[in-house]
PDB file of N, CA and C in Angstrom:
ATOM      1  N   MET A   1      -7.380  26.782  22.222  1.00  0.00           N
ATOM      2  CA  MET A   1      -7.248  26.555  20.658  1.00  0.00           C
ATOM      3  C   MET A   1      -5.752  26.143  20.154  1.00  0.00           C
ATOM      4  N   THR A   2      -5.575  25.270  19.294  1.00  0.00           N
ATOM      5  CA  THR A   2      -4.422  25.027  18.650  1.00  0.00           C
ATOM      6  C   THR A   2      -4.205  25.981  17.640  1.00  0.00           C
ATOM      7  N   LYS A   3      -2.801  26.082  17.233  1.00  0.00           N
ATOM      8  CA  LYS A   3      -2.436  26.926  16.367  1.00  0.00           C
ATOM      9  C   LYS A   3      -2.926  26.474  15.132  1.00  0.00           C
ATOM     10  N   MET A   4      -3.371  25.550  14.668  1.00  0.00           N
ATOM     11  CA  MET A   4      -4.231  25.137  13.199  1.00  0.00           C
ATOM     12  C   MET A   4      -5.200  25.398  13.368  1.00  0.00           C
ATOM     13  N   GLN A   5      -6.402  25.731  14.504  1.00  0.00           N
ATOM     14  CA  GLN A   5      -7.798  26.158  14.527  1.00  0.00           C
ATOM     15  C   GLN A   5      -7.285  27.902  14.713  1.00  0.00           C
ATOM     16  N   ASP A   6      -6.495  28.739  15.380  1.00  0.00           N
ATOM     17  CA  ASP A   6      -6.222  29.838  15.125  1.00  0.00           C
ATOM     18  C   ASP A   6      -5.786  30.605  14.032  1.00  0.00           C
ATOM     19  N   GLU A   7      -4.956  30.158  13.163  1.00  0.00           N
ATOM     20  CA  GLU A   7      -4.393  30.254  12.260  1.00  0.00           C
ATOM     21  C   GLU A   7      -4.828  29.901  10.787  1.00  0.00           C
ATOM     22  N   LYS A   8      -5.883  29.691  10.544  1.00  0.00           N
ATOM     23  CA  LYS A   8      -6.901  29.312   8.855  1.00  0.00           C
ATOM     24  C   LYS A   8      -5.847  29.667   7.905  1.00  0.00           C
ATOM     25  N   GLN A   9      -5.254  29.058   7.414  1.00  0.00           N
ATOM     26  CA  GLN A   9      -4.487  29.145   6.207  1.00  0.00           C
ATOM     27  C   GLN A   9      -5.311  28.762   4.636  1.00  0.00           C
ATOM     28  N   TYR A  10      -5.238  29.705   3.702  1.00  0.00           N
ATOM     29  CA  TYR A  10      -6.115  29.642   2.699  1.00  0.00           C
ATOM     30  C   TYR A  10      -4.796  29.181   1.507  1.00  0.00           C
ATOM     31  N   ASP A  11      -3.613  29.221   1.720  1.00  0.00           N
ATOM     32  CA  ASP A  11      -2.521  28.615   0.896  1.00  0.00           C
ATOM     33  C   ASP A  11      -2.498  27.039   0.944  1.00  0.00           C
ATOM     34  N   LEU A  12      -3.335  26.467  -0.185  1.00  0.00           N
ATOM     35  CA  LEU A  12      -3.268  25.089   0.281  1.00  0.00           C
ATOM     36  C   LEU A  12      -2.109  24.472   0.675  1.00  0.00           C
ATOM     37  N   GLU A  13      -0.569  24.720  -0.445  1.00  0.00           N
ATOM     38  CA  GLU A  13       0.220  23.970  -0.346  1.00  0.00           C
ATOM     39  C   GLU A  13       0.618  24.064   1.313  1.00  0.00           C
ATOM     40  N   ASP A  14       0.422  25.716   1.724  1.00  0.00           N
ATOM     41  CA  ASP A  14       1.059  25.742   3.246  1.00  0.00           C
ATOM     42  C   ASP A  14      -0.055  24.788   4.185  1.00  0.00           C
ATOM     43  N   ARG A  15      -1.022  24.934   3.907  1.00  0.00           N
ATOM     44  CA  ARG A  15      -2.253  24.304   4.634  1.00  0.00           C
ATOM     45  C   ARG A  15      -1.912  22.829   4.950  1.00  0.00           C
ATOM     46  N   THR A  16      -1.814  22.125   3.548  1.00  0.00           N
ATOM     47  CA  THR A  16      -1.194  20.169   3.883  1.00  0.00           C
ATOM     48  C   THR A  16       0.146  20.108   4.210  1.00  0.00           C
ATOM     49  N   LEU A  17       0.949  21.177   4.675  1.00  0.00           N
ATOM     50  CA  LEU A  17       2.506  21.241   5.086  1.00  0.00           C
ATOM     51  C   LEU A  17       2.079  20.923   6.415  1.00  0.00           C
ATOM     52  N   ALA A  18       1.431  21.795   6.931  1.00  0.00           N
ATOM     53  CA  ALA A  18       0.891  22.105   8.406  1.00  0.00           C
ATOM     54  C   ALA A  18       0.218  20.710   8.817  1.00  0.00           C
ATOM     55  N   PHE A  19      -0.772  20.432   8.028  1.00  0.00           N
ATOM     56  CA  PHE A  19      -1.302  19.139   8.574  1.00  0.00           C
ATOM     57  C   PHE A  19      -0.560  18.019   8.644  1.00  0.00           C
ATOM     58  N   ALA A  20       0.024  17.636   7.639  1.00  0.00           N
ATOM     59  CA  ALA A  20       1.021  16.781   7.671  1.00  0.00           C
ATOM     60  C   ALA A  20       2.328  16.853   8.758  1.00  0.00           C
ATOM     61  N   GLN A  21       2.552  17.767   9.196  1.00  0.00           N
ATOM     62  CA  GLN A  21       3.791  18.396  10.095  1.00  0.00           C
ATOM     63  C   GLN A  21       2.893  17.709  11.639  1.00  0.00           C
ATOM     64  N   THR A  22       1.860  18.614  11.895  1.00  0.00           N
ATOM     65  CA  THR A  22       1.031  18.556  12.917  1.00  0.00           C
ATOM     66  C   THR A  22       0.718  16.845  13.009  1.00  0.00           C
ATOM     67  N   VAL A  23       0.143  15.853  12.193  1.00  0.00           N
ATOM     68  CA  VAL A  23      -0.108  14.282  12.331  1.00  0.00           C
ATOM     69  C   VAL A  23       1.405  14.071  12.817  1.00  0.00           C
ATOM     70  N   ARG A  24       2.109  14.257  12.349  1.00  0.00           N
ATOM     71  CA  ARG A  24       3.671  13.485  12.665  1.00  0.00           C
ATOM     72  C   ARG A  24       3.853  13.517  14.129  1.00  0.00           C
ATOM     73  N   VAL A  25       3.240  15.131  14.260  1.00  0.00           N
ATOM     74  CA  VAL A  25       3.514  15.082  16.081  1.00  0.00           C
ATOM     75  C   VAL A  25       2.608  14.666  16.616  1.00  0.00           C
ATOM     76  N   PHE A  26       1.445  14.453  16.460  1.00  0.00           N
ATOM     77  CA  PHE A  26       0.248  13.211  17.104  1.00  0.00           C
ATOM     78  C   PHE A  26       1.013  12.152  17.017  1.00  0.00           C
ATOM     79  N   VAL A  27       1.261  11.359  15.833  1.00  0.00           N
ATOM     80  CA  VAL A  27       1.417   9.856  15.822  1.00  0.00           C
ATOM     81  C   VAL A  27       2.885  10.002  16.656  1.00  0.00           C
ATOM     82  N   ARG A  28       3.635  10.613  17.127  1.00  0.00           N
ATOM     83  CA  ARG A  28       5.006  10.180  17.711  1.00  0.00           C
ATOM     84  C   ARG A  28       4.331  10.455  19.069  1.00  0.00           C
ATOM     85  N   GLU A  29       3.330  11.011  19.758  1.00  0.00           N
ATOM     86  CA  GLU A  29       2.838  11.040  20.749  1.00  0.00           C
ATOM     87  C   GLU A  29       2.169  10.063  21.211  1.00  0.00           C
ATOM     88  N   LEU A  30       1.534   9.240  20.403  1.00  0.00           N
ATOM     89  CA  LEU A  30       0.826   8.006  20.502  1.00  0.00           C
ATOM     90  C   LEU A  30       1.183   6.893  21.296  1.00  0.00           C
ATOM     91  N   PRO A  31       0.325   6.067  22.528  1.00  0.00           N
ATOM     92  CA  PRO A  31       0.943   5.353  23.059  1.00  0.00           C
ATOM     93  C   PRO A  31       1.350   4.172  21.829  1.00  0.00           C
ATOM     94  N   LYS A  32       2.743   3.365  22.123  1.00  0.00           N
ATOM     95  CA  LYS A  32       3.034   2.646  21.169  1.00  0.00           C
ATOM     96  C   LYS A  32       2.515   1.178  21.566  1.00  0.00           C
ATOM     97  N   THR A  33       1.159   1.006  20.442  1.00  0.00           N
ATOM     98  CA  THR A  33       0.279  -0.413  20.758  1.00  0.00           C
ATOM     99  C   THR A  33       0.851  -0.758  19.234  1.00  0.00           C
ATOM    100  N   VAL A  34       0.696  -2.027  18.949  1.00  0.00           N
ATOM    101  CA  VAL A  34       0.468  -2.789  17.962  1.00  0.00           C
ATOM    102  C   VAL A  34      -0.540  -1.729  16.706  1.00  0.00           C
ATOM    103  N   GLY A  35      -1.536  -1.338  17.022  1.00  0.00           N
ATOM    104  CA  GLY A  35      -2.426  -0.833  16.034  1.00  0.00           C
ATOM    105  C   GLY A  35      -1.861   0.546  16.124  1.00  0.00           C
ATOM    106  N   ASN A  36      -1.522   1.266  16.984  1.00  0.00           N
ATOM    107  CA  ASN A  36      -1.029   2.650  16.665  1.00  0.00           C
ATOM    108  C   ASN A  36      -0.036   2.789  15.546  1.00  0.00           C
ATOM    109  N   ILE A  37       0.886   1.582  15.805  1.00  0.00           N
ATOM    110  CA  ILE A  37       2.309   2.081  15.086  1.00  0.00           C
ATOM    111  C   ILE A  37       2.156   1.415  13.607  1.00  0.00           C
ATOM    112  N   GLU A  38       0.805   0.468  13.497  1.00  0.00           N
ATOM    113  CA  GLU A  38       1.054   0.161  12.222  1.00  0.00           C
ATOM    114  C   GLU A  38      -0.197   1.400  11.612  1.00  0.00           C
ATOM    115  N   ASP A  39      -1.081   1.754  12.172  1.00  0.00           N
ATOM    116  CA  ASP A  39      -2.035   3.049  11.662  1.00  0.00           C
ATOM    117  C   ASP A  39      -1.489   4.250  11.648  1.00  0.00           C
ATOM    118  N   GLY A  40      -0.463   4.347  12.987  1.00  0.00           N
ATOM    119  CA  GLY A  40       0.464   5.169  12.827  1.00  0.00           C
ATOM    120  C   GLY A  40       1.236   5.704  11.160  1.00  0.00           C
ATOM    121  N   LYS A  41       2.064   4.823  10.586  1.00  0.00           N
ATOM    122  CA  LYS A  41       2.710   4.606   9.502  1.00  0.00           C
ATOM    123  C   LYS A  41       1.749   4.971   8.563  1.00  0.00           C
ATOM    124  N   GLN A  42       0.304   4.594   8.408  1.00  0.00           N
ATOM    125  CA  GLN A  42      -0.413   4.580   7.256  1.00  0.00           C
ATOM    126  C   GLN A  42      -0.618   5.960   7.360  1.00  0.00           C
ATOM    127  N   LEU A  43      -1.057   6.588   8.522  1.00  0.00           N
ATOM    128  CA  LEU A  43      -1.712   7.841   8.700  1.00  0.00           C
ATOM    129  C   LEU A  43      -0.506   9.004   8.203  1.00  0.00           C
ATOM    130  N   VAL A  44       0.930   8.552   8.581  1.00  0.00           N
ATOM    131  CA  VAL A  44       1.565   9.575   8.228  1.00  0.00           C
ATOM    132  C   VAL A  44       2.263   9.795   6.776  1.00  0.00           C
ATOM    133  N   ARG A  45       1.796   8.353   6.434  1.00  0.00           N
ATOM    134  CA  ARG A  45       1.957   8.404   4.428  1.00  0.00           C
ATOM    135  C   ARG A  45       0.709   9.371   3.877  1.00  0.00           C
ATOM    136  N   ALA A  46      -0.790   8.711   4.151  1.00  0.00           N
ATOM    137  CA  ALA A  46      -1.584   9.743   3.839  1.00  0.00           C
ATOM    138  C   ALA A  46      -1.476  10.932   4.035  1.00  0.00           C
ATOM    139  N   SER A  47      -1.074  11.530   4.966  1.00  0.00           N
ATOM    140  CA  SER A  47      -1.184  12.642   5.541  1.00  0.00           C
ATOM    141  C   SER A  47      -0.402  13.132   4.481  1.00  0.00           C
ATOM    142  N   GLY A  48       0.919  13.225   4.380  1.00  0.00           N
ATOM    143  CA  GLY A  48       2.151  13.574   3.894  1.00  0.00           C
ATOM    144  C   GLY A  48       1.572  13.660   2.170  1.00  0.00           C
ATOM    145  N   SER A  49       0.761  12.512   1.558  1.00  0.00           N
ATOM    146  CA  SER A  49       0.426  12.687   0.217  1.00  0.00           C
ATOM    147  C   SER A  49      -0.684  13.483  -0.042  1.00  0.00           C
ATOM    148  N   VAL A  50      -1.431  14.254   1.264  1.00  0.00           N
ATOM    149  CA  VAL A  50      -2.069  14.696   0.573  1.00  0.00           C
ATOM    150  C   VAL A  50      -1.179  16.168   0.042  1.00  0.00           C
ATOM    151  N   GLY A  51      -0.562  16.594   0.549  1.00  0.00           N
ATOM    152  CA  GLY A  51       0.410  18.031   0.175  1.00  0.00           C
ATOM    153  C   GLY A  51       1.599  17.658  -0.757  1.00  0.00           C
ATOM    154  N   ALA A  52       1.946  16.409  -0.765  1.00  0.00           N
ATOM    155  CA  ALA A  52       2.325  16.243  -2.220  1.00  0.00           C
ATOM    156  C   ALA A  52       1.851  15.757  -3.201  1.00  0.00           C
ATOM    157  N   ASN A  53       0.882  15.489  -3.343  1.00  0.00           N
ATOM    158  CA  ASN A  53      -0.657  15.351  -4.440  1.00  0.00           C
ATOM    159  C   ASN A  53      -0.753  16.745  -5.038  1.00  0.00           C
ATOM    160  N   TYR A  54      -1.052  17.570  -4.279  1.00  0.00           N
ATOM    161  CA  TYR A  54      -1.511  19.020  -4.141  1.00  0.00           C
ATOM    162  C   TYR A  54      -0.409  19.657  -4.864  1.00  0.00           C
ATOM    163  N   ILE A  55       0.955  19.558  -4.642  1.00  0.00           N
ATOM    164  CA  ILE A  55       1.827  20.232  -5.171  1.00  0.00           C
ATOM    165  C   ILE A  55       1.962  19.570  -6.695  1.00  0.00           C
ATOM    166  N   GLU A  56       1.722  18.250  -6.919  1.00  0.00           N
ATOM    167  CA  GLU A  56       1.641  17.718  -8.504  1.00  0.00           C
ATOM    168  C   GLU A  56       0.636  18.219  -8.940  1.00  0.00           C
ATOM    169  N   THR A  57      -0.171  18.701  -8.373  1.00  0.00           N
ATOM    170  CA  THR A  57      -1.834  19.143  -9.202  1.00  0.00           C
ATOM    171  C   THR A  57      -1.232  20.483  -9.649  1.00  0.00           C
ATOM    172  N   ASN A  58      -0.945  21.487  -9.237  1.00  0.00           N
ATOM    173  CA  ASN A  58      -0.183  22.738  -9.401  1.00  0.00           C
ATOM    174  C   ASN A  58       0.672  22.478 -10.918  1.00  0.00           C
ATOM    175  N   GLU A  59       1.161  21.189 -11.412  1.00  0.00           N
ATOM    176  CA  GLU A  59       2.099  21.491 -12.146  1.00  0.00           C
ATOM    177  C   GLU A  59       1.060  20.402 -13.096  1.00  0.00           C
ATOM    178  N   ALA A  60      -0.303  20.065 -13.264  1.00  0.00           N
ATOM    179  CA  ALA A  60      -0.795  18.955 -14.290  1.00  0.00           C
ATOM    180  C   ALA A  60      -0.215  19.655 -15.628  1.00  0.00           C
ATOM    181  N   LEU A  61      -0.359  18.982 -16.114  1.00  0.00           N
ATOM    182  CA  LEU A  61      -0.274  18.799 -18.027  1.00  0.00           C
ATOM    183  C   LEU A  61      -1.378  18.665 -18.708  1.00  0.00           C
ATOM    184  N   SER A  62      -2.436  18.414 -18.080  1.00  0.00           N
ATOM    185  CA  SER A  62      -3.780  18.298 -18.840  1.00  0.00           C
ATOM    186  C   SER A  62      -4.868  18.867 -17.646  1.00  0.00           C
ATOM    187  N   LYS A  63      -6.308  18.846 -17.927  1.00  0.00           N
ATOM    188  CA  LYS A  63      -7.236  19.265 -17.181  1.00  0.00           C
ATOM    189  C   LYS A  63      -7.401  17.762 -16.571  1.00  0.00           C
ATOM    190  N   LYS A  64      -7.504  16.847 -17.563  1.00  0.00           N
ATOM    191  CA  LYS A  64      -7.420  15.113 -16.864  1.00  0.00           C
ATOM    192  C   LYS A  64      -6.545  15.138 -15.980  1.00  0.00           C
ATOM    193  N   ASP A  65      -5.495  15.215 -16.124  1.00  0.00           N
ATOM    194  CA  ASP A  65      -4.203  15.088 -14.983  1.00  0.00           C
ATOM    195  C   ASP A  65      -4.586  16.039 -13.760  1.00  0.00           C
ATOM    196  N   PHE A  66      -4.598  17.322 -13.936  1.00  0.00           N
ATOM    197  CA  PHE A  66      -5.456  17.942 -12.844  1.00  0.00           C
ATOM    198  C   PHE A  66      -6.501  17.282 -11.816  1.00  0.00           C
ATOM    199  N   LEU A  67      -7.514  16.959 -12.536  1.00  0.00           N
ATOM    200  CA  LEU A  67      -8.552  16.179 -12.007  1.00  0.00           C
ATOM    201  C   LEU A  67      -8.342  14.934 -11.603  1.00  0.00           C
ATOM    202  N   PHE A  68      -7.489  14.094 -12.033  1.00  0.00           N
ATOM    203  CA  PHE A  68      -6.885  12.775 -11.052  1.00  0.00           C
ATOM    204  C   PHE A  68      -6.083  13.176 -10.229  1.00  0.00           C
ATOM    205  N   ARG A  69      -5.377  14.461 -10.045  1.00  0.00           N
ATOM    206  CA  ARG A  69      -4.812  14.500  -8.805  1.00  0.00           C
ATOM    207  C   ARG A  69      -5.324  15.396  -7.644  1.00  0.00           C
ATOM    208  N   ILE A  70      -6.102  15.826  -8.339  1.00  0.00           N
ATOM    209  CA  ILE A  70      -6.891  16.906  -7.070  1.00  0.00           C
ATOM    210  C   ILE A  70      -8.027  15.358  -6.526  1.00  0.00           C
ATOM    211  N   LYS A  71      -8.573  14.585  -7.403  1.00  0.00           N
ATOM    212  CA  LYS A  71      -9.033  13.284  -6.699  1.00  0.00           C
ATOM    213  C   LYS A  71      -7.980  12.476  -5.788  1.00  0.00           C
ATOM    214  N   LEU A  72      -7.150  12.569  -5.877  1.00  0.00           N
ATOM    215  CA  LEU A  72      -5.891  11.750  -5.102  1.00  0.00           C
ATOM    216  C   LEU A  72      -5.909  12.538  -3.921  1.00  0.00           C
ATOM    217  N   CYS A  73      -5.802  13.708  -3.969  1.00  0.00           N
ATOM    218  CA  CYS A  73      -5.628  14.641  -2.637  1.00  0.00           C
ATOM    219  C   CYS A  73      -6.904  14.280  -1.705  1.00  0.00           C
ATOM    220  N   ARG A  74      -8.191  14.361  -2.633  1.00  0.00           N
ATOM    221  CA  ARG A  74      -9.451  14.179  -1.616  1.00  0.00           C
ATOM    222  C   ARG A  74      -9.246  12.594  -1.233  1.00  0.00           C
ATOM    223  N   LYS A  75      -8.874  11.612  -2.040  1.00  0.00           N
ATOM    224  CA  LYS A  75      -8.681  10.313  -1.548  1.00  0.00           C
ATOM    225  C   LYS A  75      -7.827  10.495  -0.190  1.00  0.00           C
ATOM    226  N   GLU A  76      -6.328  10.829  -0.436  1.00  0.00           N
ATOM    227  CA  GLU A  76      -5.668  10.800   0.916  1.00  0.00           C
ATOM    228  C   GLU A  76      -6.280  11.600   2.540  1.00  0.00           C
ATOM    229  N   ALA A  77      -6.824  12.544   1.765  1.00  0.00           N
ATOM    230  CA  ALA A  77      -7.431  13.186   3.203  1.00  0.00           C
ATOM    231  C   ALA A  77      -8.088  12.187   3.546  1.00  0.00           C
ATOM    232  N   LYS A  78      -9.112  11.724   2.729  1.00  0.00           N
ATOM    233  CA  LYS A  78     -10.342  11.021   3.494  1.00  0.00           C
ATOM    234  C   LYS A  78      -9.442   9.755   4.410  1.00  0.00           C
ATOM    235  N   GLU A  79      -8.824   9.290   3.490  1.00  0.00           N
ATOM    236  CA  GLU A  79      -7.936   8.067   4.284  1.00  0.00           C
ATOM    237  C   GLU A  79      -7.475   8.577   5.860  1.00  0.00           C
ATOM    238  N   SER A  80      -6.710   9.652   5.620  1.00  0.00           N
ATOM    239  CA  SER A  80      -5.936  10.177   7.124  1.00  0.00           C
ATOM    240  C   SER A  80      -6.973  10.497   8.044  1.00  0.00           C
ATOM    241  N   ARG A  81      -8.176  10.809   7.523  1.00  0.00           N
ATOM    242  CA  ARG A  81      -9.372  10.850   8.842  1.00  0.00           C
ATOM    243  C   ARG A  81      -9.580   9.768   9.246  1.00  0.00           C
ATOM    244  N   TYR A  82     -10.030   8.623   8.397  1.00  0.00           N
ATOM    245  CA  TYR A  82      -9.916   6.996   8.693  1.00  0.00           C
ATOM    246  C   TYR A  82      -8.844   7.054   9.641  1.00  0.00           C
ATOM    247  N   ARG A  83      -7.687   6.930   9.667  1.00  0.00           N
ATOM    248  CA  ARG A  83      -6.667   6.191   9.800  1.00  0.00           C
ATOM    249  C   ARG A  83      -6.567   7.265  11.347  1.00  0.00           C
ATOM    250  N   LEU A  84      -6.909   8.488  11.615  1.00  0.00           N
ATOM    251  CA  LEU A  84      -6.928   9.102  12.848  1.00  0.00           C
ATOM    252  C   LEU A  84      -8.105   8.948  13.761  1.00  0.00           C
ATOM    253  N   LYS A  85      -9.204   8.142  13.191  1.00  0.00           N
ATOM    254  CA  LYS A  85     -10.491   7.662  13.929  1.00  0.00           C
ATOM    255  C   LYS A  85     -10.060   6.279  14.623  1.00  0.00           C
ATOM    256  N   LEU A  86      -8.977   5.621  13.857  1.00  0.00           N
ATOM    257  CA  LEU A  86      -8.198   4.158  14.385  1.00  0.00           C
ATOM    258  C   LEU A  86      -7.464   4.634  15.559  1.00  0.00           C
ATOM    259  N   ALA A  87      -6.756   5.368  15.584  1.00  0.00           N
ATOM    260  CA  ALA A  87      -5.875   6.036  16.392  1.00  0.00           C
ATOM    261  C   ALA A  87      -6.386   5.503  17.853  1.00  0.00           C
ATOM    262  N   ASP A  88      -5.405   4.824  18.753  1.00  0.00           N
ATOM    263  CA  ASP A  88      -6.152   4.794  20.091  1.00  0.00           C
ATOM    264  C   ASP A  88      -5.329   5.536  21.257  1.00  0.00           C
ATOM    265  N   ALA A  89      -5.677   6.653  21.859  1.00  0.00           N
ATOM    266  CA  ALA A  89      -5.136   7.522  22.686  1.00  0.00           C
ATOM    267  C   ALA A  89      -5.156   7.578  23.769  1.00  0.00           C
ATOM    268  N   GLN A  90      -5.883   5.873  24.061  1.00  0.00           N
ATOM    269  CA  GLN A  90      -5.772   5.451  25.490  1.00  0.00           C
ATOM    270  C   GLN A  90      -6.579   6.405  26.695  1.00  0.00           C
ATOM    271  N   ASP A  91      -7.683   7.089  26.115  1.00  0.00           N
ATOM    272  CA  ASP A  91      -8.392   8.002  27.198  1.00  0.00           C
ATOM    273  C   ASP A  91      -7.527   8.780  27.743  1.00  0.00           C
ATOM    274  N   ASN A  92      -6.831   9.351  26.767  1.00  0.00           N
ATOM    275  CA  ASN A  92      -5.737  10.599  27.235  1.00  0.00           C
ATOM    276  C   ASN A  92      -6.909  11.923  26.335  1.00  0.00           C
ATOM    277  N   MET A  93      -7.024  12.911  27.391  1.00  0.00           N
ATOM    278  CA  MET A  93      -8.236  14.139  27.065  1.00  0.00           C
ATOM    279  C   MET A  93      -7.188  14.731  25.903  1.00  0.00           C
ATOM    280  N   GLU A  94      -6.064  15.146  26.117  1.00  0.00           N
ATOM    281  CA  GLU A  94      -5.298  16.001  25.541  1.00  0.00           C
ATOM    282  C   GLU A  94      -5.105  15.090  23.918  1.00  0.00           C
ATOM    283  N   GLN A  95      -4.782  14.219  23.818  1.00  0.00           N
ATOM    284  CA  GLN A  95      -4.628  13.621  22.608  1.00  0.00           C
ATOM    285  C   GLN A  95      -5.913  13.259  21.929  1.00  0.00           C
ATOM    286  N   GLY A  96      -6.947  13.122  22.394  1.00  0.00           N
ATOM    287  CA  GLY A  96      -8.198  12.802  21.886  1.00  0.00           C
ATOM    288  C   GLY A  96      -8.738  14.315  21.435  1.00  0.00           C
ATOM    289  N   GLN A  97      -8.307  15.367  22.043  1.00  0.00           N
ATOM    290  CA  GLN A  97      -8.424  16.684  21.684  1.00  0.00           C
ATOM    291  C   GLN A  97      -8.403  17.266  20.420  1.00  0.00           C
ATOM    292  N   LYS A  98      -6.503  16.816  19.922  1.00  0.00           N
ATOM    293  CA  LYS A  98      -5.619  16.509  19.313  1.00  0.00           C
ATOM    294  C   LYS A  98      -6.221  16.115  17.680  1.00  0.00           C
ATOM    295  N   ARG A  99      -6.769  14.750  18.124  1.00  0.00           N
ATOM    296  CA  ARG A  99      -7.101  14.011  17.231  1.00  0.00           C
ATOM    297  C   ARG A  99      -8.526  14.307  16.812  1.00  0.00           C
ATOM    298  N   GLU A 100      -9.315  15.068  17.474  1.00  0.00           N
ATOM    299  CA  GLU A 100     -10.423  15.786  16.836  1.00  0.00           C
ATOM    300  C   GLU A 100     -10.045  16.737  16.042  1.00  0.00           C
ATOM    301  N   VAL A 101      -9.264  17.689  16.320  1.00  0.00           N
ATOM    302  CA  VAL A 101      -9.026  18.803  15.361  1.00  0.00           C
ATOM    303  C   VAL A 101      -8.370  18.391  14.083  1.00  0.00           C
ATOM    304  N   LEU A 102      -7.566  17.150  14.265  1.00  0.00           N
ATOM    305  CA  LEU A 102      -6.960  16.467  13.149  1.00  0.00           C
ATOM    306  C   LEU A 102      -7.996  15.883  12.459  1.00  0.00           C
ATOM    307  N   GLU A 103      -9.155  15.263  12.886  1.00  0.00           N
ATOM    308  CA  GLU A 103     -10.246  14.917  12.026  1.00  0.00           C
ATOM    309  C   GLU A 103     -10.813  15.896  11.162  1.00  0.00           C
ATOM    310  N   GLN A 104     -11.048  17.155  11.932  1.00  0.00           N
ATOM    311  CA  GLN A 104     -12.001  18.364  11.411  1.00  0.00           C
ATOM    312  C   GLN A 104     -11.115  18.650  10.731  1.00  0.00           C
ATOM    313  N   GLU A 105      -9.698  18.689  10.492  1.00  0.00           N
ATOM    314  CA  GLU A 105      -8.933  19.505   9.536  1.00  0.00           C
ATOM    315  C   GLU A 105      -9.017  18.468   7.988  1.00  0.00           C
ATOM    316  N   ALA A 106      -8.710  17.258   8.432  1.00  0.00           N
ATOM    317  CA  ALA A 106      -8.823  16.360   7.335  1.00  0.00           C
ATOM    318  C   ALA A 106     -10.284  16.293   6.731  1.00  0.00           C
ATOM    319  N   THR A 107     -10.995  16.672   7.314  1.00  0.00           N
ATOM    320  CA  THR A 107     -12.569  16.717   6.796  1.00  0.00           C
ATOM    321  C   THR A 107     -12.529  18.012   5.685  1.00  0.00           C
ATOM    322  N   GLU A 108     -12.226  19.084   6.302  1.00  0.00           N
ATOM    323  CA  GLU A 108     -12.262  20.318   5.611  1.00  0.00           C
ATOM    324  C   GLU A 108     -11.519  20.192   4.580  1.00  0.00           C
ATOM    325  N   LEU A 109     -10.096  19.486   4.651  1.00  0.00           N
ATOM    326  CA  LEU A 109      -9.571  19.490   3.250  1.00  0.00           C
ATOM    327  C   LEU A 109      -9.865  18.283   2.411  1.00  0.00           C
ATOM    328  N   MET A 110     -10.710  17.811   2.789  1.00  0.00           N
ATOM    329  CA  MET A 110     -12.052  16.887   1.609  1.00  0.00           C
ATOM    330  C   MET A 110     -12.755  17.625   1.264  1.00  0.00           C
ATOM    331  N   ASN A 111     -13.225  18.190   1.821  1.00  0.00           N
ATOM    332  CA  ASN A 111     -14.329  19.102   1.131  1.00  0.00           C
ATOM    333  C   ASN A 111     -14.067  20.403   0.321  1.00  0.00           C
ATOM    334  N   ILE A 112     -12.836  20.746   0.806  1.00  0.00           N
ATOM    335  CA  ILE A 112     -12.003  21.997   0.040  1.00  0.00           C
ATOM    336  C   ILE A 112     -11.913  21.406  -1.766  1.00  0.00           C
ATOM    337  N   PHE A 113     -11.191  19.681  -1.382  1.00  0.00           N
ATOM    338  CA  PHE A 113     -10.615  19.373  -2.565  1.00  0.00           C
ATOM    339  C   PHE A 113     -11.988  18.419  -3.571  1.00  0.00           C
ATOM    340  N   GLY A 114     -13.057  18.030  -2.977  1.00  0.00           N
ATOM    341  CA  GLY A 114     -14.157  17.911  -3.549  1.00  0.00           C
ATOM    342  C   GLY A 114     -14.986  18.956  -3.780  1.00  0.00           C
ATOM    343  N   SER A 115     -14.860  20.366  -3.506  1.00  0.00           N
ATOM    344  CA  SER A 115     -15.341  20.916  -4.121  1.00  0.00           C
ATOM    345  C   SER A 115     -14.510  21.752  -5.399  1.00  0.00           C
ATOM    346  N   ILE A 116     -13.108  21.887  -5.249  1.00  0.00           N
ATOM    347  CA  ILE A 116     -12.443  21.767  -6.531  1.00  0.00           C
ATOM    348  C   ILE A 116     -12.835  20.760  -7.642  1.00  0.00           C
ATOM    349  N   VAL A 117     -13.089  19.552  -7.194  1.00  0.00           N
ATOM    350  CA  VAL A 117     -13.231  18.737  -8.068  1.00  0.00           C
ATOM    351  C   VAL A 117     -14.591  18.920  -9.016  1.00  0.00           C
ATOM    352  N   ARG A 118     -15.729  19.067  -8.248  1.00  0.00           N
ATOM    353  CA  ARG A 118     -17.104  19.487  -9.137  1.00  0.00           C
ATOM    354  C   ARG A 118     -17.129  20.751  -9.655  1.00  0.00           C
ATOM    355  N   LYS A 119     -16.296  21.735  -9.591  1.00  0.00           N
ATOM    356  CA  LYS A 119     -16.357  23.108 -10.079  1.00  0.00           C
ATOM    357  C   LYS A 119     -15.238  23.119 -11.414  1.00  0.00           C
ATOM    358  N   SER A 120     -14.516  21.673 -11.326  1.00  0.00           N
ATOM    359  CA  SER A 120     -13.242  21.603 -12.773  1.00  0.00           C
ATOM    360  C   SER A 120     -13.814  20.715 -13.592  1.00  0.00           C
ATOM    361  N   GLU A 121     -15.181  19.951 -13.068  1.00  0.00           N
ATOM    362  CA  GLU A 121     -15.687  18.986 -14.089  1.00  0.00           C
ATOM    363  C   GLU A 121     -16.367  19.538 -14.921  1.00  0.00           C
TER     364      GLU A 121
END
């Protein structure tokens, strides 16, 4: 099991930071193909945006602002999952497992933010 699976974090600021950091390590280890380079850049941006937008959510000026920002968190988590699916680990089993763990974390974050949206509307 990976560190992310062993220590599920319930503080979303910490959890989204850990997600972005783990994604950066994953991208750094990918084979340097044209697709991986371009998708990796987008993956790094999207994974970092999940946490950045969540931090801004905590400083929302109104309920409307809060909902907008939490929806952005969900959107960026969804994009992160999509970019992870595109990553070409070139049949490297270890990288494939890391990708699956990251996809699961992105899915869980999407579900958490989706639940927050539903409960806040």
